[in-house]
Every structure is written in C-alpha cells, then in structure tokens.
Amino acid sequence: MSITPQEISDKEFSKTFRGYDKEEVDEFLDKIYIDYEELVRYKDETERYIKRLEERLSYYTNDIPKRTVTNEQEPEAINDSIFY
C-alpha cells in the first residue's frame, strides 16, 4: 500500500489565514487512521488465511495422479478421464 496508518496519524497541514479548523481536521484524520488500520489488519489476516487454504489444497491435490489427454481419445473418453 502506498500510505500507512502512521503516515495518516503524522500528517501535518500548513496553517493559513481562514484555513480549516485544526480540531476538525485532526478528528477526521483520527477516524481515517482507525479505519485504515483496521483495513490493513483485515487484508493481512485474509492473505494469511488464503495462504493456509492454498497449502491445505496442495496437500490434497498433490496425491491426485496427473492425467494427460491426447488427440487420439474420443470426446467421451476425454470427459471420463477428467472425472475418473
């Protein structure tokens, strides 16, 4: 990701005459920080979960013999070799 929750938290804005209300901006950034941090955590957990599922799937699929299909087989035989 191109921005981190910490960068949101540390962001400073320049002050100008009649600029934005500092407290309002800080409150909004705090809300964004919390939501963004939660999204990053959820993304990381989801990636770990997917990796575990892939590992489990490979455990079961590694035992399946590889089947090859040749041009000489009839279409019905090709379909049968896929399922049996």
N, C-alpha and C. Protein backbone atom coordinates (compact mmCIF):
# COMPACT_ATOMS: atom_id res chain seq x y z
N MET A 1 0.85 -1.18 0.00
CA MET A 1 0.00 0.00 0.00
C MET A 1 0.89 1.24 0.00
N SER A 2 0.39 2.29 -0.56
CA SER A 2 1.21 3.47 -0.73
C SER A 2 1.21 4.38 0.49
N ILE A 3 0.27 4.23 1.39
CA ILE A 3 0.22 5.06 2.60
C ILE A 3 -0.02 4.15 3.79
N THR A 4 0.57 4.51 4.91
CA THR A 4 0.41 3.69 6.11
C THR A 4 -0.47 4.43 7.11
N PRO A 5 -1.05 3.69 8.05
CA PRO A 5 -1.82 4.35 9.10
C PRO A 5 -0.99 5.39 9.86
N GLN A 6 0.29 5.08 10.06
CA GLN A 6 1.14 6.02 10.80
C GLN A 6 1.32 7.33 10.03
N GLU A 7 1.42 7.24 8.70
CA GLU A 7 1.54 8.46 7.89
C GLU A 7 0.29 9.32 8.00
N ILE A 8 -0.86 8.68 8.11
CA ILE A 8 -2.10 9.44 8.30
C ILE A 8 -2.07 10.14 9.65
N SER A 9 -1.63 9.41 10.66
CA SER A 9 -1.58 9.96 12.00
C SER A 9 -0.58 11.13 12.10
N ASP A 10 0.52 11.03 11.40
CA ASP A 10 1.58 12.04 11.49
C ASP A 10 1.41 13.22 10.54
N LYS A 11 0.44 13.18 9.67
CA LYS A 11 0.27 14.22 8.65
C LYS A 11 0.02 15.58 9.30
N GLU A 12 0.79 16.56 8.85
CA GLU A 12 0.64 17.94 9.31
C GLU A 12 0.23 18.81 8.12
N PHE A 13 -0.63 19.76 8.35
CA PHE A 13 -1.07 20.66 7.31
C PHE A 13 -0.58 22.06 7.63
N SER A 14 -0.27 22.80 6.58
CA SER A 14 0.18 24.17 6.80
C SER A 14 -0.99 25.04 7.23
N LYS A 15 -0.69 26.08 7.98
CA LYS A 15 -1.74 26.96 8.50
C LYS A 15 -1.80 28.22 7.64
N THR A 16 -3.00 28.61 7.32
CA THR A 16 -3.21 29.83 6.55
C THR A 16 -4.32 30.64 7.20
N PHE A 17 -4.38 31.88 6.84
CA PHE A 17 -5.44 32.73 7.35
C PHE A 17 -6.78 32.19 6.85
N ARG A 18 -7.72 32.03 7.77
CA ARG A 18 -9.05 31.48 7.47
C ARG A 18 -8.96 30.05 6.92
N GLY A 19 -8.01 29.29 7.42
CA GLY A 19 -7.84 27.91 6.98
C GLY A 19 -8.87 27.00 7.64
N TYR A 20 -8.66 25.70 7.49
CA TYR A 20 -9.55 24.72 8.09
C TYR A 20 -9.42 24.72 9.61
N ASP A 21 -10.47 24.28 10.29
CA ASP A 21 -10.46 24.14 11.74
C ASP A 21 -9.53 22.98 12.10
N LYS A 22 -8.45 23.26 12.82
CA LYS A 22 -7.45 22.25 13.15
C LYS A 22 -8.05 21.07 13.90
N GLU A 23 -8.92 21.32 14.85
CA GLU A 23 -9.52 20.23 15.62
C GLU A 23 -10.39 19.34 14.73
N GLU A 24 -11.13 19.96 13.83
CA GLU A 24 -11.99 19.19 12.93
C GLU A 24 -11.15 18.30 12.01
N VAL A 25 -10.07 18.85 11.48
CA VAL A 25 -9.18 18.07 10.62
C VAL A 25 -8.56 16.93 11.41
N ASP A 26 -8.08 17.21 12.62
CA ASP A 26 -7.47 16.17 13.46
C ASP A 26 -8.46 15.06 13.79
N GLU A 27 -9.69 15.40 14.12
CA GLU A 27 -10.71 14.38 14.41
C GLU A 27 -10.97 13.51 13.19
N PHE A 28 -11.06 14.15 12.02
CA PHE A 28 -11.30 13.40 10.80
C PHE A 28 -10.13 12.47 10.50
N LEU A 29 -8.91 12.96 10.64
CA LEU A 29 -7.74 12.12 10.41
C LEU A 29 -7.67 10.96 11.40
N ASP A 30 -8.09 11.19 12.63
CA ASP A 30 -8.12 10.11 13.62
C ASP A 30 -9.08 9.01 13.18
N LYS A 31 -10.23 9.40 12.67
CA LYS A 31 -11.21 8.41 12.19
C LYS A 31 -10.65 7.63 11.00
N ILE A 32 -10.01 8.34 10.07
CA ILE A 32 -9.41 7.69 8.91
C ILE A 32 -8.31 6.73 9.36
N TYR A 33 -7.50 7.16 10.30
CA TYR A 33 -6.42 6.33 10.82
C TYR A 33 -6.96 5.02 11.37
N ILE A 34 -7.99 5.09 12.18
CA ILE A 34 -8.56 3.88 12.80
C ILE A 34 -9.13 2.95 11.73
N ASP A 35 -9.90 3.50 10.80
CA ASP A 35 -10.49 2.67 9.74
C ASP A 35 -9.43 2.07 8.84
N TYR A 36 -8.43 2.85 8.50
CA TYR A 36 -7.38 2.36 7.61
C TYR A 36 -6.56 1.28 8.28
N GLU A 37 -6.25 1.48 9.54
CA GLU A 37 -5.50 0.48 10.29
C GLU A 37 -6.28 -0.84 10.34
N GLU A 38 -7.58 -0.76 10.54
CA GLU A 38 -8.42 -1.95 10.56
C GLU A 38 -8.42 -2.65 9.19
N LEU A 39 -8.48 -1.88 8.11
CA LEU A 39 -8.45 -2.46 6.77
C LEU A 39 -7.13 -3.15 6.48
N VAL A 40 -6.03 -2.54 6.89
CA VAL A 40 -4.72 -3.15 6.69
C VAL A 40 -4.63 -4.46 7.47
N ARG A 41 -5.09 -4.46 8.70
CA ARG A 41 -5.08 -5.67 9.52
C ARG A 41 -5.95 -6.77 8.89
N TYR A 42 -7.13 -6.40 8.41
CA TYR A 42 -8.03 -7.36 7.76
C TYR A 42 -7.39 -7.94 6.50
N LYS A 43 -6.74 -7.09 5.71
CA LYS A 43 -6.06 -7.53 4.49
C LYS A 43 -4.97 -8.53 4.83
N ASP A 44 -4.17 -8.24 5.83
CA ASP A 44 -3.09 -9.15 6.23
C ASP A 44 -3.65 -10.49 6.72
N GLU A 45 -4.69 -10.44 7.53
CA GLU A 45 -5.31 -11.68 8.01
C GLU A 45 -5.88 -12.49 6.86
N THR A 46 -6.50 -11.82 5.91
CA THR A 46 -7.08 -12.50 4.75
C THR A 46 -6.00 -13.15 3.90
N GLU A 47 -4.88 -12.46 3.70
CA GLU A 47 -3.77 -13.04 2.94
C GLU A 47 -3.21 -14.28 3.64
N ARG A 48 -3.08 -14.23 4.96
CA ARG A 48 -2.59 -15.40 5.70
C ARG A 48 -3.59 -16.55 5.59
N TYR A 49 -4.86 -16.25 5.67
CA TYR A 49 -5.90 -17.28 5.57
C TYR A 49 -5.87 -17.93 4.18
N ILE A 50 -5.75 -17.12 3.14
CA ILE A 50 -5.68 -17.65 1.78
C ILE A 50 -4.46 -18.55 1.62
N LYS A 51 -3.35 -18.14 2.18
CA LYS A 51 -2.13 -18.95 2.08
C LYS A 51 -2.33 -20.30 2.77
N ARG A 52 -2.95 -20.30 3.94
CA ARG A 52 -3.22 -21.57 4.64
C ARG A 52 -4.15 -22.45 3.80
N LEU A 53 -5.17 -21.87 3.18
CA LEU A 53 -6.08 -22.64 2.34
C LEU A 53 -5.35 -23.23 1.13
N GLU A 54 -4.47 -22.44 0.53
CA GLU A 54 -3.70 -22.94 -0.60
C GLU A 54 -2.80 -24.09 -0.19
N GLU A 55 -2.21 -23.99 0.99
CA GLU A 55 -1.36 -25.08 1.48
C GLU A 55 -2.18 -26.35 1.72
N ARG A 56 -3.36 -26.18 2.30
CA ARG A 56 -4.24 -27.33 2.51
C ARG A 56 -4.68 -27.94 1.20
N LEU A 57 -5.00 -27.10 0.24
CA LEU A 57 -5.43 -27.58 -1.07
C LEU A 57 -4.31 -28.34 -1.75
N SER A 58 -3.10 -27.83 -1.67
CA SER A 58 -1.97 -28.52 -2.31
C SER A 58 -1.72 -29.87 -1.65
N TYR A 59 -1.98 -30.00 -0.37
CA TYR A 59 -1.83 -31.27 0.32
C TYR A 59 -2.73 -32.33 -0.32
N TYR A 60 -3.97 -31.94 -0.66
CA TYR A 60 -4.91 -32.88 -1.25
C TYR A 60 -4.69 -33.06 -2.75
N THR A 61 -4.27 -32.04 -3.44
CA THR A 61 -4.12 -32.16 -4.90
C THR A 61 -2.79 -32.79 -5.29
N ASN A 62 -1.81 -32.82 -4.43
CA ASN A 62 -0.52 -33.44 -4.77
C ASN A 62 -0.65 -34.95 -4.93
N ASP A 63 -1.64 -35.56 -4.30
CA ASP A 63 -1.82 -37.01 -4.37
C ASP A 63 -2.63 -37.43 -5.59
N ILE A 64 -3.22 -36.49 -6.29
CA ILE A 64 -4.03 -36.83 -7.46
C ILE A 64 -3.09 -37.08 -8.63
N PRO A 65 -3.21 -38.25 -9.28
CA PRO A 65 -2.32 -38.51 -10.42
C PRO A 65 -2.62 -37.54 -11.56
N LYS A 66 -1.57 -37.17 -12.27
CA LYS A 66 -1.73 -36.27 -13.40
C LYS A 66 -2.32 -37.05 -14.57
N ARG A 67 -3.32 -36.50 -15.21
CA ARG A 67 -3.93 -37.15 -16.35
C ARG A 67 -3.58 -36.34 -17.60
N THR A 68 -3.22 -37.06 -18.63
CA THR A 68 -2.92 -36.40 -19.89
C THR A 68 -3.99 -36.76 -20.90
N VAL A 69 -4.30 -35.82 -21.75
CA VAL A 69 -5.31 -36.02 -22.77
C VAL A 69 -4.61 -35.95 -24.12
N THR A 70 -4.87 -36.95 -24.94
CA THR A 70 -4.25 -36.96 -26.28
C THR A 70 -5.31 -36.72 -27.33
N ASN A 71 -4.87 -36.40 -28.52
CA ASN A 71 -5.80 -36.17 -29.62
C ASN A 71 -6.48 -37.45 -30.07
N GLU A 72 -5.90 -38.59 -29.74
CA GLU A 72 -6.43 -39.87 -30.19
C GLU A 72 -7.65 -40.30 -29.39
N GLN A 73 -7.87 -39.72 -28.23
CA GLN A 73 -9.00 -40.12 -27.40
C GLN A 73 -10.30 -39.56 -27.97
N GLU A 74 -11.33 -40.33 -27.80
CA GLU A 74 -12.67 -39.88 -28.20
C GLU A 74 -13.13 -38.81 -27.20
N PRO A 75 -14.03 -37.90 -27.61
CA PRO A 75 -14.53 -36.87 -26.68
C PRO A 75 -15.11 -37.46 -25.39
N GLU A 76 -15.81 -38.61 -25.51
CA GLU A 76 -16.38 -39.22 -24.30
C GLU A 76 -15.27 -39.70 -23.36
N ALA A 77 -14.20 -40.22 -23.94
CA ALA A 77 -13.08 -40.70 -23.13
C ALA A 77 -12.38 -39.54 -22.45
N ILE A 78 -12.30 -38.41 -23.14
CA ILE A 78 -11.68 -37.23 -22.53
C ILE A 78 -12.50 -36.79 -21.33
N ASN A 79 -13.81 -36.73 -21.47
CA ASN A 79 -14.68 -36.35 -20.36
C ASN A 79 -14.57 -37.32 -19.22
N ASP A 80 -14.51 -38.62 -19.53
CA ASP A 80 -14.38 -39.62 -18.48
C ASP A 80 -13.06 -39.49 -17.75
N SER A 81 -11.97 -39.18 -18.48
CA SER A 81 -10.68 -39.10 -17.83
C SER A 81 -10.60 -37.89 -16.89
N ILE A 82 -11.40 -36.89 -17.14
CA ILE A 82 -11.41 -35.71 -16.28
C ILE A 82 -12.05 -36.03 -14.93
N PHE A 83 -13.10 -36.83 -14.96
CA PHE A 83 -13.87 -37.07 -13.74
C PHE A 83 -13.50 -38.36 -13.02
N TYR A 84 -12.81 -39.28 -13.66
CA TYR A 84 -12.50 -40.53 -13.02
C TYR A 84 -11.02 -40.79 -12.97
